[in-house]
Amino acid sequence: MNRPTTSGGRTTVRQEARAAMEPRGLVDLRGEAGAPFTVHYPPDAVVVVSGLPGSGKSTLLRRWSAQAGAAATVDPRAVHEACEAVMPAALPYAVYRPWARLEHVRLLRASVRRGGPLLVHDCGSRAWMRRWLSRAAARQGRELHLVLLDVGAATALAGQRERGRWAPSRTFAKHRRGLDRLLAELTRHARGAVPNPTPEAASVLLLDRTSRGRAAVRFGR
């Protein structure tokens, strides 16, 4: 098993070592073409897949969930649809959004406590959510890992158009600001200019349109 090496605050992986990797620290695979590769996580890792609405989080999660059959997946969209199914059709989602979010947090807590590999769909712009998940995982002796899809706003909007489901413009703009800020902080950290903005995560894997389609996952040795 090839492991990343760290240089100047940034973790990199030799090109010939990409067939299999165990990410630690910051691993930036944006802008790199090549053969498919497999990301290996600990058997009970909590892996959060983040990115703008339409960036391909759900597609990646579905593929990884199929590859790691034992992994549970928590997607707020599923909670949204479950709450919507028991509400009057005329009732706007904004009215029961707090309840849906509370149910999502309860499901996350239960899934972390249950043990085993866990894949989590999250926008990634909320630092408090990462910290809460990290603390919840640590209490179970588990690690939190972050996968961040950096595809750009235009690609994310095109992804929304393809799936026929749009995030409200205000929500999209809020997530974009948060993710842009996080990416900028990670870039400065890689250069050694600022402390690690994600100390709660054992690894941060940066993927773009090219590398996200080549990434497979495996939990355990």
N, C-alpha and C. Protein backbone atom coordinates (compact mmCIF):
# COMPACT_ATOMS: atom_id res chain seq x y z
N MET A 1 0.84 -1.20 0.00
CA MET A 1 0.00 0.00 0.00
C MET A 1 0.87 1.24 0.00
N ASN A 2 0.70 2.12 -0.95
CA ASN A 2 1.46 3.35 -1.02
C ASN A 2 0.76 4.42 -0.20
N ARG A 3 1.55 5.19 0.52
CA ARG A 3 1.00 6.26 1.35
C ARG A 3 1.46 7.61 0.81
N PRO A 4 0.63 8.67 1.04
CA PRO A 4 1.03 10.01 0.64
C PRO A 4 2.26 10.46 1.41
N THR A 5 2.99 11.39 0.85
CA THR A 5 4.10 12.02 1.54
C THR A 5 3.80 13.49 1.68
N THR A 6 4.31 14.11 2.75
CA THR A 6 4.01 15.50 3.05
C THR A 6 5.21 16.36 2.73
N SER A 7 4.94 17.50 2.08
CA SER A 7 6.00 18.44 1.73
C SER A 7 5.45 19.84 1.78
N GLY A 8 6.05 20.68 2.62
CA GLY A 8 5.62 22.07 2.71
C GLY A 8 4.18 22.22 3.16
N GLY A 9 3.72 21.34 4.06
CA GLY A 9 2.37 21.46 4.57
C GLY A 9 1.32 20.82 3.70
N ARG A 10 1.70 20.32 2.56
CA ARG A 10 0.75 19.73 1.63
C ARG A 10 1.09 18.26 1.39
N THR A 11 0.10 17.43 1.40
CA THR A 11 0.32 16.02 1.15
C THR A 11 0.16 15.73 -0.32
N THR A 12 1.12 15.05 -0.90
CA THR A 12 1.07 14.69 -2.31
C THR A 12 1.30 13.19 -2.44
N VAL A 13 0.98 12.65 -3.59
CA VAL A 13 1.16 11.23 -3.84
C VAL A 13 1.88 11.08 -5.17
N ARG A 14 2.90 10.26 -5.21
CA ARG A 14 3.62 10.04 -6.46
C ARG A 14 2.68 9.47 -7.51
N GLN A 15 2.86 9.87 -8.76
CA GLN A 15 1.97 9.45 -9.83
C GLN A 15 1.87 7.93 -9.92
N GLU A 16 2.99 7.22 -9.77
CA GLU A 16 2.96 5.77 -9.90
C GLU A 16 2.29 5.10 -8.70
N ALA A 17 2.03 5.86 -7.64
CA ALA A 17 1.45 5.28 -6.44
C ALA A 17 -0.06 5.47 -6.38
N ARG A 18 -0.66 5.99 -7.45
CA ARG A 18 -2.05 6.36 -7.40
C ARG A 18 -3.03 5.19 -7.47
N ALA A 19 -2.58 4.00 -7.78
CA ALA A 19 -3.51 2.88 -7.89
C ALA A 19 -4.22 2.63 -6.58
N ALA A 20 -3.54 2.86 -5.45
CA ALA A 20 -4.14 2.69 -4.13
C ALA A 20 -3.48 3.67 -3.18
N MET A 21 -4.27 4.29 -2.31
CA MET A 21 -3.73 5.28 -1.41
C MET A 21 -4.55 5.34 -0.13
N GLU A 22 -3.87 5.68 0.96
CA GLU A 22 -4.50 5.91 2.25
C GLU A 22 -4.28 7.39 2.58
N PRO A 23 -5.27 8.23 2.35
CA PRO A 23 -5.05 9.66 2.52
C PRO A 23 -4.83 10.06 3.97
N ARG A 24 -3.86 10.95 4.16
CA ARG A 24 -3.59 11.57 5.45
C ARG A 24 -3.25 13.03 5.19
N GLY A 25 -3.78 13.92 6.02
CA GLY A 25 -3.55 15.33 5.78
C GLY A 25 -4.26 15.79 4.53
N LEU A 26 -3.68 16.76 3.85
CA LEU A 26 -4.27 17.32 2.64
C LEU A 26 -3.74 16.60 1.41
N VAL A 27 -4.65 16.02 0.62
CA VAL A 27 -4.28 15.32 -0.61
C VAL A 27 -5.01 15.99 -1.76
N ASP A 28 -4.27 16.63 -2.64
CA ASP A 28 -4.86 17.43 -3.72
C ASP A 28 -4.67 16.70 -5.05
N LEU A 29 -5.76 16.17 -5.60
CA LEU A 29 -5.71 15.47 -6.88
C LEU A 29 -6.39 16.25 -7.99
N ARG A 30 -6.61 17.52 -7.79
CA ARG A 30 -7.25 18.34 -8.82
C ARG A 30 -6.30 18.54 -10.00
N GLY A 31 -6.88 18.52 -11.20
CA GLY A 31 -6.11 18.79 -12.39
C GLY A 31 -5.21 17.67 -12.83
N GLU A 32 -5.43 16.47 -12.31
CA GLU A 32 -4.57 15.35 -12.65
C GLU A 32 -5.36 14.27 -13.38
N ALA A 33 -4.91 13.92 -14.55
CA ALA A 33 -5.50 12.82 -15.31
C ALA A 33 -4.72 11.55 -15.02
N GLY A 34 -5.26 10.42 -15.46
CA GLY A 34 -4.56 9.17 -15.23
C GLY A 34 -5.52 8.02 -15.09
N ALA A 35 -5.00 6.91 -14.59
CA ALA A 35 -5.79 5.70 -14.44
C ALA A 35 -6.67 5.78 -13.20
N PRO A 36 -7.70 4.95 -13.11
CA PRO A 36 -8.52 4.89 -11.89
C PRO A 36 -7.67 4.54 -10.67
N PHE A 37 -8.11 5.00 -9.52
CA PHE A 37 -7.38 4.72 -8.28
C PHE A 37 -8.40 4.42 -7.18
N THR A 38 -7.95 3.78 -6.12
CA THR A 38 -8.80 3.41 -5.00
C THR A 38 -8.33 4.12 -3.74
N VAL A 39 -9.25 4.74 -3.06
CA VAL A 39 -8.97 5.41 -1.79
C VAL A 39 -9.33 4.45 -0.66
N HIS A 40 -8.35 4.13 0.19
CA HIS A 40 -8.56 3.20 1.29
C HIS A 40 -8.74 3.98 2.59
N TYR A 41 -9.84 3.71 3.28
CA TYR A 41 -10.10 4.32 4.58
C TYR A 41 -10.16 3.24 5.65
N PRO A 42 -9.98 3.61 6.92
CA PRO A 42 -10.13 2.63 8.00
C PRO A 42 -11.52 1.98 7.95
N PRO A 43 -11.66 0.79 8.51
CA PRO A 43 -12.93 0.05 8.40
C PRO A 43 -14.12 0.73 9.04
N ASP A 44 -13.88 1.65 9.98
CA ASP A 44 -15.00 2.32 10.65
C ASP A 44 -14.95 3.84 10.44
N ALA A 45 -14.35 4.28 9.34
CA ALA A 45 -14.20 5.71 9.08
C ALA A 45 -15.54 6.36 8.76
N VAL A 46 -15.65 7.63 9.13
CA VAL A 46 -16.77 8.47 8.73
C VAL A 46 -16.25 9.39 7.62
N VAL A 47 -16.75 9.21 6.41
CA VAL A 47 -16.26 9.95 5.25
C VAL A 47 -17.34 10.93 4.79
N VAL A 48 -17.04 12.21 4.85
CA VAL A 48 -17.97 13.26 4.46
C VAL A 48 -17.63 13.73 3.05
N VAL A 49 -18.58 13.61 2.14
CA VAL A 49 -18.40 14.07 0.76
C VAL A 49 -19.09 15.42 0.61
N SER A 50 -18.32 16.46 0.28
CA SER A 50 -18.82 17.82 0.25
C SER A 50 -18.63 18.46 -1.11
N GLY A 51 -19.39 19.52 -1.34
CA GLY A 51 -19.28 20.26 -2.59
C GLY A 51 -20.55 21.05 -2.83
N LEU A 52 -20.53 21.88 -3.85
CA LEU A 52 -21.69 22.69 -4.19
C LEU A 52 -22.86 21.81 -4.64
N PRO A 53 -24.10 22.27 -4.48
CA PRO A 53 -25.23 21.54 -5.04
C PRO A 53 -25.05 21.37 -6.55
N GLY A 54 -25.11 20.13 -7.02
CA GLY A 54 -24.90 19.85 -8.43
C GLY A 54 -23.48 19.48 -8.78
N SER A 55 -22.60 19.40 -7.79
CA SER A 55 -21.18 19.10 -8.06
C SER A 55 -20.91 17.62 -8.27
N GLY A 56 -21.89 16.76 -8.00
CA GLY A 56 -21.70 15.33 -8.21
C GLY A 56 -21.56 14.53 -6.93
N LYS A 57 -21.95 15.11 -5.79
CA LYS A 57 -21.82 14.40 -4.51
C LYS A 57 -22.67 13.14 -4.49
N SER A 58 -23.93 13.26 -4.88
CA SER A 58 -24.83 12.10 -4.85
C SER A 58 -24.36 11.00 -5.79
N THR A 59 -23.87 11.40 -6.97
CA THR A 59 -23.37 10.40 -7.93
C THR A 59 -22.17 9.65 -7.36
N LEU A 60 -21.24 10.38 -6.77
CA LEU A 60 -20.07 9.76 -6.17
C LEU A 60 -20.47 8.85 -5.01
N LEU A 61 -21.40 9.32 -4.18
CA LEU A 61 -21.84 8.51 -3.04
C LEU A 61 -22.52 7.22 -3.49
N ARG A 62 -23.34 7.30 -4.54
CA ARG A 62 -23.98 6.09 -5.03
C ARG A 62 -22.95 5.08 -5.52
N ARG A 63 -21.93 5.57 -6.24
CA ARG A 63 -20.91 4.67 -6.75
C ARG A 63 -20.10 4.07 -5.61
N TRP A 64 -19.71 4.90 -4.65
CA TRP A 64 -18.92 4.40 -3.53
C TRP A 64 -19.74 3.48 -2.64
N SER A 65 -21.02 3.77 -2.48
CA SER A 65 -21.87 2.90 -1.67
C SER A 65 -21.98 1.51 -2.30
N ALA A 66 -22.06 1.46 -3.63
CA ALA A 66 -22.13 0.18 -4.32
C ALA A 66 -20.81 -0.58 -4.21
N GLN A 67 -19.69 0.16 -4.20
CA GLN A 67 -18.39 -0.49 -4.10
C GLN A 67 -18.12 -1.00 -2.68
N ALA A 68 -18.60 -0.25 -1.69
CA ALA A 68 -18.40 -0.63 -0.29
C ALA A 68 -19.76 -1.02 0.28
N GLY A 69 -20.18 -2.24 -0.01
CA GLY A 69 -21.53 -2.67 0.33
C GLY A 69 -21.87 -2.57 1.80
N ALA A 70 -20.86 -2.62 2.69
CA ALA A 70 -21.12 -2.57 4.12
C ALA A 70 -21.28 -1.14 4.63
N ALA A 71 -21.01 -0.15 3.80
CA ALA A 71 -21.05 1.24 4.23
C ALA A 71 -22.48 1.78 4.23
N ALA A 72 -22.85 2.43 5.32
CA ALA A 72 -24.13 3.13 5.37
C ALA A 72 -23.97 4.51 4.76
N THR A 73 -25.05 5.08 4.25
CA THR A 73 -25.03 6.40 3.63
C THR A 73 -26.11 7.27 4.25
N VAL A 74 -25.73 8.49 4.62
CA VAL A 74 -26.68 9.46 5.15
C VAL A 74 -26.73 10.64 4.20
N ASP A 75 -27.90 10.86 3.59
CA ASP A 75 -28.11 11.92 2.61
C ASP A 75 -29.28 12.78 3.07
N PRO A 76 -29.08 14.08 3.29
CA PRO A 76 -30.18 14.93 3.74
C PRO A 76 -31.35 14.96 2.77
N ARG A 77 -31.08 14.68 1.50
CA ARG A 77 -32.17 14.67 0.52
C ARG A 77 -33.17 13.57 0.85
N ALA A 78 -32.66 12.42 1.30
CA ALA A 78 -33.55 11.31 1.66
C ALA A 78 -34.42 11.70 2.84
N VAL A 79 -33.85 12.41 3.82
CA VAL A 79 -34.63 12.87 4.97
C VAL A 79 -35.67 13.89 4.52
N HIS A 80 -35.27 14.80 3.64
CA HIS A 80 -36.19 15.79 3.09
C HIS A 80 -37.39 15.10 2.45
N GLU A 81 -37.13 14.10 1.62
CA GLU A 81 -38.22 13.41 0.93
C GLU A 81 -39.10 12.62 1.89
N ALA A 82 -38.50 12.05 2.95
CA ALA A 82 -39.29 11.31 3.93
C ALA A 82 -40.22 12.24 4.69
N CYS A 83 -39.72 13.43 5.04
CA CYS A 83 -40.56 14.40 5.74
C CYS A 83 -41.65 14.93 4.81
N GLU A 84 -41.28 15.16 3.56
CA GLU A 84 -42.23 15.67 2.57
C GLU A 84 -43.38 14.69 2.36
N ALA A 85 -43.08 13.39 2.45
CA ALA A 85 -44.09 12.37 2.19
C ALA A 85 -45.22 12.36 3.22
N VAL A 86 -44.93 12.85 4.44
CA VAL A 86 -45.95 12.81 5.49
C VAL A 86 -46.56 14.19 5.74
N MET A 87 -46.19 15.16 4.94
CA MET A 87 -46.70 16.52 5.10
C MET A 87 -47.75 16.81 4.01
N PRO A 88 -48.70 17.71 4.30
CA PRO A 88 -49.67 18.11 3.27
C PRO A 88 -48.95 18.69 2.06
N ALA A 89 -49.43 18.37 0.87
CA ALA A 89 -48.77 18.80 -0.35
C ALA A 89 -48.69 20.32 -0.46
N ALA A 90 -49.66 21.00 0.11
CA ALA A 90 -49.70 22.47 -0.01
C ALA A 90 -48.76 23.16 0.98
N LEU A 91 -48.17 22.40 1.89
CA LEU A 91 -47.32 23.01 2.92
C LEU A 91 -45.90 23.21 2.37
N PRO A 92 -45.41 24.44 2.34
CA PRO A 92 -44.05 24.70 1.82
C PRO A 92 -42.99 24.02 2.68
N TYR A 93 -41.92 23.61 2.02
CA TYR A 93 -40.83 22.95 2.74
C TYR A 93 -40.24 23.85 3.81
N ALA A 94 -40.22 25.16 3.55
CA ALA A 94 -39.64 26.09 4.50
C ALA A 94 -40.30 26.00 5.87
N VAL A 95 -41.57 25.61 5.91
CA VAL A 95 -42.30 25.54 7.17
C VAL A 95 -41.77 24.41 8.05
N TYR A 96 -41.48 23.27 7.45
CA TYR A 96 -41.01 22.12 8.25
C TYR A 96 -39.53 21.81 8.04
N ARG A 97 -38.80 22.75 7.47
CA ARG A 97 -37.36 22.57 7.30
C ARG A 97 -36.64 22.32 8.63
N PRO A 98 -36.96 23.08 9.71
CA PRO A 98 -36.27 22.80 10.99
C PRO A 98 -36.46 21.36 11.46
N TRP A 99 -37.67 20.82 11.27
CA TRP A 99 -37.91 19.43 11.67
C TRP A 99 -37.07 18.48 10.83
N ALA A 100 -36.99 18.73 9.51
CA ALA A 100 -36.20 17.88 8.63
C ALA A 100 -34.73 17.92 9.02
N ARG A 101 -34.24 19.09 9.36
CA ARG A 101 -32.83 19.20 9.75
C ARG A 101 -32.58 18.48 11.07
N LEU A 102 -33.53 18.57 12.00
CA LEU A 102 -33.38 17.86 13.27
C LEU A 102 -33.37 16.36 13.04
N GLU A 103 -34.23 15.88 12.15
CA GLU A 103 -34.25 14.45 11.84
C GLU A 103 -32.94 14.02 11.18
N HIS A 104 -32.37 14.88 10.36
CA HIS A 104 -31.08 14.57 9.72
C HIS A 104 -29.98 14.43 10.76
N VAL A 105 -29.94 15.34 11.73
CA VAL A 105 -28.93 15.27 12.78
C VAL A 105 -29.13 14.01 13.62
N ARG A 106 -30.37 13.68 13.92
CA ARG A 106 -30.64 12.46 14.69
C ARG A 106 -30.18 11.22 13.94
N LEU A 107 -30.42 11.20 12.62
CA LEU A 107 -29.98 10.06 11.82
C LEU A 107 -28.47 9.98 11.78
N LEU A 108 -27.80 11.12 11.67
CA LEU A 108 -26.34 11.14 11.68
C LEU A 108 -25.81 10.58 13.00
N ARG A 109 -26.37 11.06 14.11
CA ARG A 109 -25.91 10.60 15.42
C ARG A 109 -26.09 9.09 15.56
N ALA A 110 -27.26 8.60 15.17
CA ALA A 110 -27.53 7.17 15.28
C ALA A 110 -26.59 6.36 14.38
N SER A 111 -26.31 6.88 13.19
CA SER A 111 -25.45 6.17 12.25
C SER A 111 -24.02 6.10 12.74
N VAL A 112 -23.54 7.18 13.37
CA VAL A 112 -22.19 7.19 13.91
C VAL A 112 -22.09 6.21 15.07
N ARG A 113 -23.09 6.20 15.93
CA ARG A 113 -23.07 5.30 17.09
C ARG A 113 -23.17 3.84 16.68
N ARG A 114 -23.81 3.58 15.55
CA ARG A 114 -24.03 2.20 15.12
C ARG A 114 -22.72 1.52 14.76
N GLY A 115 -21.74 2.27 14.33
CA GLY A 115 -20.46 1.70 13.95
C GLY A 115 -20.43 1.30 12.48
N GLY A 116 -19.26 0.88 12.02
CA GLY A 116 -19.10 0.50 10.63
C GLY A 116 -18.81 1.70 9.76
N PRO A 117 -18.38 1.47 8.52
CA PRO A 117 -18.07 2.59 7.62
C PRO A 117 -19.31 3.42 7.32
N LEU A 118 -19.12 4.73 7.23
CA LEU A 118 -20.24 5.64 7.03
C LEU A 118 -19.88 6.69 5.99
N LEU A 119 -20.75 6.88 4.99
CA LEU A 119 -20.62 7.92 3.98
C LEU A 119 -21.67 8.99 4.24
N VAL A 120 -21.25 10.24 4.28
CA VAL A 120 -22.15 11.35 4.63
C VAL A 120 -22.14 12.39 3.51
N HIS A 121 -23.33 12.75 3.06
CA HIS A 121 -23.53 13.80 2.07
C HIS A 121 -23.69 15.12 2.82
N ASP A 122 -22.82 16.10 2.53
CA ASP A 122 -22.90 17.38 3.25
C ASP A 122 -22.38 18.49 2.33
N CYS A 123 -22.92 19.68 2.52
CA CYS A 123 -22.50 20.80 1.67
C CYS A 123 -21.05 21.18 1.92
N GLY A 124 -20.56 20.97 3.15
CA GLY A 124 -19.16 21.23 3.44
C GLY A 124 -18.84 22.65 3.86
N SER A 125 -19.82 23.56 3.76
CA SER A 125 -19.55 24.95 4.09
C SER A 125 -19.76 25.26 5.57
N ARG A 126 -20.24 24.26 6.33
CA ARG A 126 -20.55 24.50 7.74
C ARG A 126 -19.50 23.83 8.61
N ALA A 127 -18.59 24.65 9.15
CA ALA A 127 -17.52 24.12 9.98
C ALA A 127 -18.07 23.46 11.23
N TRP A 128 -19.16 24.00 11.79
CA TRP A 128 -19.71 23.44 13.02
C TRP A 128 -20.18 22.00 12.81
N MET A 129 -20.70 21.69 11.61
CA MET A 129 -21.15 20.33 11.32
C MET A 129 -19.97 19.37 11.30
N ARG A 130 -18.86 19.77 10.67
CA ARG A 130 -17.67 18.92 10.65
C ARG A 130 -17.15 18.68 12.05
N ARG A 131 -17.10 19.74 12.85
CA ARG A 131 -16.58 19.59 14.22
C ARG A 131 -17.49 18.69 15.05
N TRP A 132 -18.80 18.85 14.90
CA TRP A 132 -19.74 18.00 15.64
C TRP A 132 -19.59 16.54 15.22
N LEU A 133 -19.51 16.29 13.92
CA LEU A 133 -19.34 14.93 13.44
C LEU A 133 -18.02 14.33 13.93
N SER A 134 -16.97 15.14 13.93
CA SER A 134 -15.67 14.67 14.38
C SER A 134 -15.71 14.26 15.85
N ARG A 135 -16.35 15.08 16.68
CA ARG A 135 -16.45 14.76 18.11
C ARG A 135 -17.28 13.50 18.32
N ALA A 136 -18.40 13.41 17.58
CA ALA A 136 -19.25 12.22 17.70
C ALA A 136 -18.50 10.97 17.27
N ALA A 137 -17.72 11.07 16.19
CA ALA A 137 -16.95 9.92 15.72
C ALA A 137 -15.85 9.56 16.70
N ALA A 138 -15.16 10.58 17.24
CA ALA A 138 -14.05 10.33 18.16
C ALA A 138 -14.52 9.61 19.42
N ARG A 139 -15.73 9.90 19.87
CA ARG A 139 -16.26 9.22 21.05
C ARG A 139 -16.43 7.72 20.80
N GLN A 140 -16.55 7.34 19.53
CA GLN A 140 -16.66 5.93 19.16
C GLN A 140 -15.31 5.36 18.70
N GLY A 141 -14.24 6.14 18.86
CA GLY A 141 -12.93 5.69 18.42
C GLY A 141 -12.78 5.69 16.91
N ARG A 142 -13.52 6.57 16.22
CA ARG A 142 -13.52 6.58 14.76
C ARG A 142 -12.91 7.88 14.25
N GLU A 143 -12.47 7.87 12.99
CA GLU A 143 -11.88 9.05 12.36
C GLU A 143 -12.86 9.68 11.39
N LEU A 144 -12.73 10.98 11.25
CA LEU A 144 -13.49 11.73 10.24
C LEU A 144 -12.57 12.06 9.08
N HIS A 145 -13.02 11.77 7.86
CA HIS A 145 -12.29 12.10 6.63
C HIS A 145 -13.20 12.95 5.74
N LEU A 146 -12.61 13.90 5.07
CA LEU A 146 -13.36 14.82 4.22
C LEU A 146 -12.95 14.66 2.76
N VAL A 147 -13.94 14.55 1.89
CA VAL A 147 -13.72 14.57 0.43
C VAL A 147 -14.41 15.81 -0.11
N LEU A 148 -13.67 16.69 -0.73
CA LEU A 148 -14.20 17.97 -1.20
C LEU A 148 -14.15 18.02 -2.72
N LEU A 149 -15.32 18.16 -3.35
CA LEU A 149 -15.42 18.25 -4.80
C LEU A 149 -15.33 19.72 -5.21
N ASP A 150 -14.27 20.06 -5.91
CA ASP A 150 -14.04 21.42 -6.38
C ASP A 150 -14.23 21.44 -7.90
N VAL A 151 -15.46 21.68 -8.34
CA VAL A 151 -15.76 21.62 -9.78
C VAL A 151 -16.10 22.99 -10.36
N GLY A 152 -16.25 23.99 -9.51
CA GLY A 152 -16.61 25.32 -9.99
C GLY A 152 -18.11 25.52 -10.05
N ALA A 153 -18.53 26.78 -9.94
CA ALA A 153 -19.96 27.10 -9.90
C ALA A 153 -20.66 26.76 -11.21
N ALA A 154 -20.02 27.01 -12.36
CA ALA A 154 -20.66 26.75 -13.65
C ALA A 154 -20.98 25.27 -13.81
N THR A 155 -20.03 24.41 -13.45
CA THR A 155 -20.25 22.97 -13.56
C THR A 155 -21.33 22.50 -12.60
N ALA A 156 -21.35 23.07 -11.39
CA ALA A 156 -22.37 22.70 -10.41
C ALA A 156 -23.76 23.11 -10.89
N LEU A 157 -23.87 24.29 -11.47
CA LEU A 157 -25.16 24.73 -11.99
C LEU A 157 -25.61 23.86 -13.16
N ALA A 158 -24.65 23.45 -13.99
CA ALA A 158 -24.98 22.54 -15.09
C ALA A 158 -25.45 21.20 -14.54
N GLY A 159 -24.84 20.74 -13.44
CA GLY A 159 -25.26 19.50 -12.81
C GLY A 159 -26.68 19.59 -12.28
N GLN A 160 -27.04 20.74 -11.72
CA GLN A 160 -28.42 20.94 -11.26
C GLN A 160 -29.39 20.89 -12.44
N ARG A 161 -28.98 21.49 -13.55
CA ARG A 161 -29.84 21.50 -14.73
C ARG A 161 -30.04 20.07 -15.26
N GLU A 162 -28.99 19.28 -15.24
CA GLU A 162 -29.09 17.90 -15.74
C GLU A 162 -30.01 17.04 -14.88
N ARG A 163 -29.96 17.24 -13.57
CA ARG A 163 -30.79 16.43 -12.68
C ARG A 163 -32.21 16.98 -12.55
N GLY A 164 -32.41 18.22 -13.06
CA GLY A 164 -33.74 18.81 -13.02
C GLY A 164 -34.17 19.26 -11.64
N ARG A 165 -33.21 19.54 -10.77
CA ARG A 165 -33.52 19.98 -9.41
C ARG A 165 -32.56 21.10 -9.04
N TRP A 166 -33.13 22.24 -8.67
CA TRP A 166 -32.33 23.43 -8.43
C TRP A 166 -32.30 23.80 -6.96
N ALA A 167 -31.12 24.16 -6.48
CA ALA A 167 -31.00 24.73 -5.14
C ALA A 167 -31.40 26.20 -5.23
N PRO A 168 -32.11 26.73 -4.23
CA PRO A 168 -32.43 28.16 -4.24
C PRO A 168 -31.16 29.00 -4.42
N SER A 169 -31.28 30.08 -5.16
CA SER A 169 -30.10 30.89 -5.48
C SER A 169 -29.41 31.40 -4.22
N ARG A 170 -30.19 31.76 -3.22
CA ARG A 170 -29.59 32.26 -1.98
C ARG A 170 -28.80 31.14 -1.28
N THR A 171 -29.37 29.93 -1.26
CA THR A 171 -28.68 28.80 -0.65
C THR A 171 -27.40 28.47 -1.40
N PHE A 172 -27.49 28.46 -2.73
CA PHE A 172 -26.31 28.16 -3.55
C PHE A 172 -25.21 29.18 -3.29
N ALA A 173 -25.59 30.46 -3.25
CA ALA A 173 -24.60 31.51 -3.03
C ALA A 173 -23.95 31.38 -1.65
N LYS A 174 -24.74 31.01 -0.65
CA LYS A 174 -24.21 30.84 0.70
C LYS A 174 -23.21 29.69 0.75
N HIS A 175 -23.56 28.55 0.14
CA HIS A 175 -22.64 27.42 0.11
C HIS A 175 -21.38 27.77 -0.69
N ARG A 176 -21.56 28.50 -1.77
CA ARG A 176 -20.41 28.86 -2.60
C ARG A 176 -19.42 29.73 -1.81
N ARG A 177 -19.94 30.70 -1.07
CA ARG A 177 -19.05 31.56 -0.26
C ARG A 177 -18.30 30.72 0.76
N GLY A 178 -19.02 29.81 1.44
CA GLY A 178 -18.38 28.99 2.46
C GLY A 178 -17.32 28.07 1.89
N LEU A 179 -17.61 27.44 0.75
CA LEU A 179 -16.64 26.53 0.15
C LEU A 179 -15.45 27.28 -0.45
N ASP A 180 -15.72 28.43 -1.06
CA ASP A 180 -14.61 29.24 -1.59
C ASP A 180 -13.67 29.65 -0.46
N ARG A 181 -14.24 30.01 0.68
CA ARG A 181 -13.42 30.40 1.82
C ARG A 181 -12.59 29.20 2.32
N LEU A 182 -13.23 28.03 2.40
CA LEU A 182 -12.52 26.84 2.86
C LEU A 182 -11.40 26.46 1.90
N LEU A 183 -11.68 26.49 0.59
CA LEU A 183 -10.65 26.15 -0.40
C LEU A 183 -9.48 27.14 -0.33
N ALA A 184 -9.78 28.42 -0.14
CA ALA A 184 -8.72 29.42 -0.04
C ALA A 184 -7.85 29.16 1.19
N GLU A 185 -8.50 28.80 2.30
CA GLU A 185 -7.75 28.52 3.52
C GLU A 185 -6.89 27.26 3.36
N LEU A 186 -7.43 26.25 2.68
CA LEU A 186 -6.64 25.04 2.44
C LEU A 186 -5.44 25.33 1.55
N THR A 187 -5.62 26.21 0.56
CA THR A 187 -4.52 26.58 -0.32
C THR A 187 -3.42 27.30 0.46
N ARG A 188 -3.83 28.24 1.33
CA ARG A 188 -2.85 28.96 2.15
C ARG A 188 -2.15 28.00 3.13
N HIS A 189 -2.92 27.05 3.65
CA HIS A 189 -2.32 26.08 4.57
C HIS A 189 -1.29 25.22 3.84
N ALA A 190 -1.59 24.83 2.60
CA ALA A 190 -0.66 24.02 1.82
C ALA A 190 0.66 24.76 1.60
N ARG A 191 0.59 26.08 1.55
CA ARG A 191 1.79 26.90 1.37
C ARG A 191 2.48 27.22 2.68
N GLY A 192 1.90 26.74 3.79
CA GLY A 192 2.48 26.99 5.10
C GLY A 192 2.18 28.35 5.66
N ALA A 193 1.17 29.05 5.10
CA ALA A 193 0.89 30.42 5.52
C ALA A 193 -0.07 30.49 6.70
N VAL A 194 -0.95 29.50 6.85
CA VAL A 194 -1.95 29.54 7.93
C VAL A 194 -2.07 28.14 8.53
N PRO A 195 -2.61 28.06 9.74
CA PRO A 195 -2.83 26.73 10.35
C PRO A 195 -3.86 25.94 9.56
N ASN A 196 -3.91 24.66 9.83
CA ASN A 196 -4.86 23.76 9.18
C ASN A 196 -6.29 24.20 9.50
N PRO A 197 -7.11 24.53 8.47
CA PRO A 197 -8.48 24.97 8.74
C PRO A 197 -9.43 23.81 9.05
N THR A 198 -8.97 22.57 8.88
CA THR A 198 -9.82 21.41 9.14
C THR A 198 -9.11 20.43 10.07
N PRO A 199 -8.74 20.86 11.27
CA PRO A 199 -8.02 19.95 12.18
C PRO A 199 -8.87 18.78 12.64
N GLU A 200 -10.19 18.91 12.47
CA GLU A 200 -11.09 17.82 12.88
C GLU A 200 -11.04 16.63 11.94
N ALA A 201 -10.47 16.79 10.74
CA ALA A 201 -10.45 15.72 9.74
C ALA A 201 -9.07 15.07 9.67
N ALA A 202 -9.04 13.74 9.67
CA ALA A 202 -7.78 13.02 9.53
C ALA A 202 -7.18 13.21 8.14
N SER A 203 -8.05 13.45 7.15
CA SER A 203 -7.58 13.72 5.79
C SER A 203 -8.59 14.58 5.07
N VAL A 204 -8.10 15.34 4.11
CA VAL A 204 -8.94 16.12 3.21
C VAL A 204 -8.49 15.78 1.79
N LEU A 205 -9.39 15.17 1.02
CA LEU A 205 -9.10 14.77 -0.35
C LEU A 205 -9.80 15.73 -1.30
N LEU A 206 -9.03 16.46 -2.10
CA LEU A 206 -9.58 17.41 -3.06
C LEU A 206 -9.68 16.77 -4.43
N LEU A 207 -10.90 16.73 -4.97
CA LEU A 207 -11.14 16.16 -6.29
C LEU A 207 -11.81 17.19 -7.18
N ASP A 208 -11.59 17.08 -8.49
CA ASP A 208 -12.27 17.94 -9.45
C ASP A 208 -13.04 17.06 -10.44
N ARG A 209 -13.47 17.65 -11.56
CA ARG A 209 -14.26 16.89 -12.54
C ARG A 209 -13.48 15.70 -13.09
N THR A 210 -12.17 15.86 -13.24
CA THR A 210 -11.35 14.81 -13.82
C THR A 210 -11.14 13.67 -12.83
N SER A 211 -10.73 14.00 -11.62
CA SER A 211 -10.34 12.97 -10.66
C SER A 211 -11.53 12.32 -9.96
N ARG A 212 -12.66 13.01 -9.88
CA ARG A 212 -13.79 12.40 -9.15
C ARG A 212 -14.32 11.16 -9.86
N GLY A 213 -14.25 11.15 -11.19
CA GLY A 213 -14.75 10.00 -11.94
C GLY A 213 -13.82 8.80 -11.90
N ARG A 214 -12.58 9.00 -11.47
CA ARG A 214 -11.60 7.91 -11.44
C ARG A 214 -11.47 7.30 -10.06
N ALA A 215 -12.11 7.91 -9.07
CA ALA A 215 -11.90 7.50 -7.67
C ALA A 215 -12.86 6.39 -7.26
N ALA A 216 -12.30 5.31 -6.73
CA ALA A 216 -13.07 4.25 -6.10
C ALA A 216 -12.74 4.27 -4.60
N VAL A 217 -13.49 3.51 -3.81
CA VAL A 217 -13.28 3.52 -2.37
C VAL A 217 -13.24 2.11 -1.83
N ARG A 218 -12.52 1.94 -0.73
CA ARG A 218 -12.52 0.68 -0.01
C ARG A 218 -12.31 1.00 1.48
N PHE A 219 -13.05 0.31 2.33
CA PHE A 219 -12.90 0.46 3.77
C PHE A 219 -12.22 -0.78 4.32
N GLY A 220 -11.19 -0.57 5.14
CA GLY A 220 -10.45 -1.67 5.72
C GLY A 220 -9.18 -1.95 4.94
N ARG A 221 -8.34 -2.81 5.49
CA ARG A 221 -7.06 -3.12 4.87
C ARG A 221 -7.25 -4.04 3.68
